Amino acid sequence: MNKGLIFFCCACIILVFTIINLSVGPISSGRIRDLDTLNCKKIKDDIDRAKKEEGKTDDDLKYGLKWKLDECQREKGMNDMEYTSFIFNVVIGFICGLLGLLHLFVDKKEYVNRTGLIGLCCGIVGFIFSFVYIILNGLVYTTVDIRIIKRDGDGVFAEKTGTSGQFKCLYYDENPHKLHATISDLIKKQYNYDKDMYKNVDEDCIDDPYGSPSFSSQCFSSETIAGPNKCENLYAKPENGIDNKDLSDRFLTTLLLSLFVCLANVGLAIFGFLIFRSGEF
């Protein structure tokens, strides 16, 4: 396979995969909205105010305002880079693909060096934007929680201890955010509708997140909580839809496709350089 054909194939991969990303991306598809209006500056001001007026330290704020600020910056950064990366890669794929197609069918040797230089520059720019987007997507995918209590494969978030009526929270941690599922967790069956999962579970053993107080809410302040003595486990409230899986699938799909786009941009840059140096397509 000659350099020109590989150059053309890389451009086509970039174009096709990015068009798919535009249609399934969590932000570009409209699945997640309003990230562009997040006010991270306001959170920064709240942190400064808490330190100055209340004498708070970074340790005092690390699971509160500072955690919120990190999430805000990651989400806003991903929002901006998703549009930027996708738009640039569509343009790069189209231009380089068109140039490659013309050279494959039309003998224009005087323009080969320019095409190679364009491919080299476009590949570098596309790689940078794609790589930054992959990092931000991965951070949001694996660290941002959506306020859904974490549970095991059977929907259990607390199991009975040896003491009567006492239950141990499976995911209790000093960091309260660890008790929430991340977006990457939502692809699992326990976070989506499954009619058979709670088939033989007593309703009294299923958490009511809006109860007063709910079992799950107690796990945020104590590793051991009180519950019905007749229960062996405490179960999270079952989900009624598959929206969680849809969201997680979109993140994972764009992450994987963006990785291929990133590699295709590397190929575009390498073969663009080889074409530019040799003067042959």
Protein backbone atom coordinates (compact mmCIF):
# COMPACT_ATOMS: atom_id res chain seq x y z
CA MET A 1 0.00 0.00 0.00
CA ASN A 2 1.58 3.31 -1.07
CA LYS A 3 1.90 6.45 1.04
CA GLY A 4 -0.87 8.31 -0.76
CA LEU A 5 -3.46 5.59 -0.23
CA ILE A 6 -2.64 5.34 3.50
CA PHE A 7 -2.86 9.15 3.73
CA PHE A 8 -6.31 9.01 2.10
CA CYS A 9 -7.47 6.16 4.38
CA CYS A 10 -6.39 8.07 7.52
CA ALA A 11 -8.37 11.12 6.37
CA CYS A 12 -11.45 8.96 5.72
CA ILE A 13 -11.20 7.35 9.17
CA ILE A 14 -11.01 10.78 10.77
CA LEU A 15 -14.02 12.04 8.81
CA VAL A 16 -16.28 9.00 9.25
CA PHE A 17 -15.55 8.38 12.94
CA THR A 18 -15.95 12.06 13.80
CA ILE A 19 -19.32 12.23 12.03
CA ILE A 20 -20.40 9.24 14.14
CA ASN A 21 -19.11 11.01 17.25
CA LEU A 22 -21.15 14.10 16.39
CA SER A 23 -24.31 12.00 16.34
CA VAL A 24 -23.68 10.01 19.53
CA GLY A 25 -21.53 12.36 21.64
CA PRO A 26 -23.09 13.02 25.07
CA ILE A 27 -23.00 16.79 24.51
CA SER A 28 -23.16 17.19 20.72
CA SER A 29 -26.20 14.87 20.57
CA GLY A 30 -28.02 16.90 23.25
CA ARG A 31 -28.02 14.05 25.79
CA ILE A 32 -26.32 16.38 28.30
CA ARG A 33 -27.30 20.03 28.28
CA ASP A 34 -26.29 23.32 29.91
CA LEU A 35 -22.64 22.45 30.62
CA ASP A 36 -21.66 25.57 28.69
CA THR A 37 -23.44 27.72 31.30
CA LEU A 38 -21.64 26.23 34.33
CA ASN A 39 -20.26 29.06 36.46
CA CYS A 40 -16.89 27.83 37.73
CA LYS A 41 -15.87 31.40 38.57
CA LYS A 42 -18.68 31.61 41.13
CA ILE A 43 -17.42 28.43 42.84
CA LYS A 44 -13.89 29.88 42.95
CA ASP A 45 -15.27 33.02 44.60
CA ASP A 46 -17.17 30.88 47.12
CA ILE A 47 -13.92 29.06 47.99
CA ASP A 48 -12.05 32.34 48.49
CA ARG A 49 -14.90 33.66 50.63
CA ALA A 50 -14.98 30.50 52.78
CA LYS A 51 -11.24 30.74 53.37
CA LYS A 52 -11.28 34.45 54.14
CA GLU A 53 -14.48 34.85 56.16
CA GLU A 54 -14.88 31.40 57.73
CA GLY A 55 -11.23 30.42 58.11
CA LYS A 56 -11.66 27.23 56.07
CA THR A 57 -8.61 25.34 54.82
CA ASP A 58 -8.12 23.31 51.63
CA ASP A 59 -8.65 20.11 53.65
CA ASP A 60 -11.97 21.45 54.96
CA LEU A 61 -13.17 22.13 51.43
CA LYS A 62 -11.67 19.19 49.51
CA TYR A 63 -14.88 17.13 49.44
CA GLY A 64 -17.16 20.16 49.17
CA LEU A 65 -16.48 23.29 47.15
CA LYS A 66 -13.08 22.16 45.82
CA TRP A 67 -14.56 18.87 44.59
CA LYS A 68 -17.40 20.80 42.99
CA LEU A 69 -14.91 23.14 41.30
CA ASP A 70 -12.90 20.22 39.88
CA GLU A 71 -16.07 18.67 38.46
CA CYS A 72 -17.17 22.00 37.02
CA GLN A 73 -13.85 22.60 35.27
CA ARG A 74 -13.74 19.07 33.85
CA GLU A 75 -17.33 19.21 32.58
CA LYS A 76 -16.98 22.67 31.10
CA GLY A 77 -13.63 21.76 29.54
CA MET A 78 -15.10 18.62 28.01
CA ASN A 79 -18.07 20.59 26.68
CA ASP A 80 -15.79 23.07 24.90
CA MET A 81 -13.36 20.44 23.60
CA GLU A 82 -16.10 18.13 22.31
CA TYR A 83 -17.35 20.75 19.89
CA THR A 84 -13.85 22.03 19.07
CA SER A 85 -12.35 18.60 18.49
CA PHE A 86 -15.27 17.27 16.44
CA ILE A 87 -15.54 20.35 14.20
CA PHE A 88 -11.81 20.53 13.54
CA ASN A 89 -11.59 16.82 12.76
CA VAL A 90 -14.52 16.96 10.34
CA VAL A 91 -12.78 19.81 8.50
CA ILE A 92 -9.41 18.00 8.60
CA GLY A 93 -10.90 14.73 7.38
CA PHE A 94 -12.82 16.41 4.57
CA ILE A 95 -9.94 18.57 3.30
CA CYS A 96 -7.27 15.88 3.47
CA GLY A 97 -9.63 13.25 2.09
CA LEU A 98 -10.53 15.47 -0.84
CA LEU A 99 -6.88 16.27 -1.55
CA GLY A 100 -5.97 12.59 -1.34
CA LEU A 101 -8.80 11.64 -3.68
CA LEU A 102 -7.72 14.24 -6.24
CA HIS A 103 -4.12 13.01 -6.19
CA LEU A 104 -5.21 9.38 -6.54
CA PHE A 105 -7.17 10.13 -9.69
CA VAL A 106 -5.49 13.24 -11.08
CA ASP A 107 -1.76 13.51 -11.71
CA LYS A 108 -0.81 16.84 -10.10
CA LYS A 109 2.77 16.34 -8.94
CA GLU A 110 3.37 20.07 -8.54
CA TYR A 111 0.88 20.13 -5.63
CA VAL A 112 2.07 16.96 -3.87
CA ASN A 113 4.46 18.80 -1.52
CA ARG A 114 1.71 21.21 -0.47
CA THR A 115 -0.68 18.34 0.18
CA GLY A 116 1.93 16.59 2.31
CA LEU A 117 2.55 19.77 4.30
CA ILE A 118 -1.18 20.31 4.80
CA GLY A 119 -1.53 16.70 5.99
CA LEU A 120 1.38 17.12 8.40
CA CYS A 121 -0.05 20.31 9.95
CA CYS A 122 -3.62 19.02 10.05
CA GLY A 123 -2.50 15.73 11.64
CA ILE A 124 -0.63 17.55 14.41
CA VAL A 125 -3.55 19.89 15.16
CA GLY A 126 -6.08 17.06 15.01
CA PHE A 127 -3.97 14.89 17.32
CA ILE A 128 -3.67 17.66 19.93
CA PHE A 129 -7.40 18.42 19.98
CA SER A 130 -8.38 14.73 19.99
CA PHE A 131 -5.89 13.87 22.73
CA VAL A 132 -7.07 16.68 25.01
CA TYR A 133 -10.69 15.63 24.44
CA ILE A 134 -9.88 11.99 25.27
CA ILE A 135 -8.32 13.06 28.59
CA LEU A 136 -11.27 15.27 29.56
CA ASN A 137 -13.84 12.70 28.46
CA GLY A 138 -12.03 10.02 30.47
CA LEU A 139 -11.88 12.20 33.58
CA VAL A 140 -15.59 13.03 33.45
CA TYR A 141 -16.49 9.42 32.60
CA THR A 142 -14.59 7.90 35.51
CA THR A 143 -14.78 10.55 38.26
CA VAL A 144 -18.01 12.56 37.96
CA ASP A 145 -20.89 11.09 39.95
CA ILE A 146 -24.56 11.65 39.22
CA ARG A 147 -25.99 11.32 42.75
CA ILE A 148 -27.07 7.68 42.39
CA ILE A 149 -26.19 5.45 45.35
CA LYS A 150 -23.49 2.90 44.52
CA ARG A 151 -24.49 -0.77 44.73
CA ASP A 152 -23.18 -4.23 43.87
CA GLY A 153 -24.36 -6.48 41.04
CA ASP A 154 -27.43 -7.54 43.02
CA GLY A 155 -28.47 -3.98 43.89
CA VAL A 156 -27.16 -4.25 47.48
CA PHE A 157 -25.59 -1.20 49.13
CA ALA A 158 -25.49 -2.50 52.75
CA GLU A 159 -25.25 -5.97 54.25
CA LYS A 160 -26.21 -7.27 57.69
CA THR A 161 -23.55 -7.53 60.36
CA GLY A 162 -23.50 -9.93 63.29
CA THR A 163 -25.34 -7.39 65.43
CA SER A 164 -29.13 -7.46 65.29
CA GLY A 165 -30.59 -4.75 63.05
CA GLN A 166 -27.17 -3.37 62.09
CA PHE A 167 -25.93 -3.13 58.52
CA LYS A 168 -22.53 -2.31 57.04
CA CYS A 169 -22.45 0.14 54.11
CA LEU A 170 -20.45 -1.60 51.37
CA TYR A 171 -19.00 1.56 49.85
CA TYR A 172 -18.57 3.79 52.88
CA ASP A 173 -15.55 6.08 52.60
CA GLU A 174 -14.19 9.27 54.11
CA ASN A 175 -14.91 10.81 50.73
CA PRO A 176 -18.75 10.88 50.49
CA HIS A 177 -18.56 11.04 46.69
CA LYS A 178 -17.31 7.43 46.70
CA LEU A 179 -20.82 6.36 47.70
CA HIS A 180 -22.17 7.63 44.39
CA ALA A 181 -21.87 5.78 41.11
CA THR A 182 -19.77 7.41 38.39
CA ILE A 183 -20.88 7.66 34.77
CA SER A 184 -18.66 4.67 33.94
CA ASP A 185 -20.62 2.56 36.46
CA LEU A 186 -23.95 3.27 34.81
CA ILE A 187 -23.39 0.75 32.03
CA LYS A 188 -23.85 -2.07 34.57
CA LYS A 189 -27.16 -3.90 34.92
CA GLN A 190 -27.82 -2.81 38.51
CA TYR A 191 -28.18 0.81 37.41
CA ASN A 192 -30.78 0.04 34.75
CA TYR A 193 -34.18 -1.60 34.55
CA ASP A 194 -34.13 -5.32 35.31
CA LYS A 195 -37.48 -6.87 36.17
CA ASP A 196 -35.96 -9.99 37.75
CA MET A 197 -33.33 -8.37 39.97
CA TYR A 198 -35.66 -7.62 42.91
CA LYS A 199 -38.12 -10.42 42.21
CA ASN A 200 -37.69 -12.13 45.59
CA VAL A 201 -36.75 -9.07 47.67
CA ASP A 202 -39.01 -7.85 50.49
CA GLU A 203 -40.16 -4.28 49.86
CA ASP A 204 -39.14 -3.31 53.40
CA CYS A 205 -35.53 -4.08 52.46
CA ILE A 206 -35.57 -1.70 49.48
CA ASP A 207 -34.35 1.82 50.14
CA ASP A 208 -36.63 4.82 49.69
CA PRO A 209 -34.24 7.69 48.86
CA TYR A 210 -37.00 10.15 49.68
CA GLY A 211 -37.86 8.52 53.02
CA SER A 212 -37.27 10.20 56.36
CA PRO A 213 -34.58 9.14 56.87
CA SER A 214 -33.64 6.85 54.01
CA PHE A 215 -31.25 3.96 54.68
CA SER A 216 -28.81 5.05 51.98
CA SER A 217 -28.57 8.64 53.24
CA GLN A 218 -27.29 7.32 56.61
CA CYS A 219 -24.31 5.70 54.82
CA PHE A 220 -22.89 9.15 54.14
CA SER A 221 -22.27 9.76 57.84
CA SER A 222 -21.64 6.27 59.25
CA GLU A 223 -20.27 2.96 58.03
CA THR A 224 -22.80 1.06 60.17
CA ILE A 225 -26.50 1.90 60.02
CA ALA A 226 -29.75 0.58 61.47
CA GLY A 227 -32.28 -1.29 59.36
CA PRO A 228 -35.08 -3.88 59.48
CA ASN A 229 -33.89 -6.94 61.39
CA LYS A 230 -35.70 -9.28 58.99
CA CYS A 231 -33.49 -8.16 56.09
CA GLU A 232 -30.16 -9.76 55.25
CA ASN A 233 -29.27 -6.95 52.84
CA LEU A 234 -30.47 -3.44 52.04
CA TYR A 235 -31.18 -2.77 48.38
CA ALA A 236 -31.04 0.46 46.41
CA LYS A 237 -34.19 1.70 44.75
CA PRO A 238 -34.60 -0.11 41.39
CA GLU A 239 -34.30 1.86 38.17
CA ASN A 240 -37.27 2.14 35.81
CA GLY A 241 -35.44 2.87 32.55
CA ILE A 242 -32.21 2.40 30.60
CA ASP A 243 -31.26 6.09 30.44
CA ASN A 244 -28.20 5.43 32.60
CA LYS A 245 -26.82 2.82 30.18
CA ASP A 246 -27.51 5.11 27.25
CA LEU A 247 -25.48 7.91 28.84
CA SER A 248 -22.57 5.62 29.74
CA ASP A 249 -22.60 4.06 26.25
CA ARG A 250 -22.33 7.48 24.64
CA PHE A 251 -19.32 8.43 26.73
CA LEU A 252 -17.58 5.11 26.05
CA THR A 253 -18.35 5.18 22.31
CA THR A 254 -17.00 8.70 21.79
CA LEU A 255 -13.97 7.88 23.94
CA LEU A 256 -13.06 4.82 21.85
CA LEU A 257 -13.79 6.45 18.48
CA SER A 258 -11.81 9.54 19.49
CA LEU A 259 -8.88 7.25 20.29
CA PHE A 260 -9.01 5.86 16.74
CA VAL A 261 -9.31 9.41 15.37
CA CYS A 262 -6.26 10.38 17.43
CA LEU A 263 -4.26 7.49 15.96
CA ALA A 264 -5.47 8.33 12.45
CA ASN A 265 -4.25 11.89 12.95
CA VAL A 266 -0.82 10.50 13.86
CA GLY A 267 -0.88 8.49 10.64
CA LEU A 268 -1.98 11.56 8.67
CA ALA A 269 0.90 13.59 10.07
CA ILE A 270 3.50 10.85 9.47
CA PHE A 271 2.48 10.09 5.90
CA GLY A 272 1.93 13.76 5.18
CA PHE A 273 5.55 14.33 6.19
CA LEU A 274 6.74 11.41 4.03
CA ILE A 275 4.80 12.73 1.05
CA PHE A 276 6.15 16.24 1.60
CA ARG A 277 9.74 14.98 1.84
CA SER A 278 9.60 12.61 -1.14
CA GLY A 279 7.39 14.72 -3.40
CA GLU A 280 5.48 11.56 -4.40
CA PHE A 281 1.92 10.67 -3.51
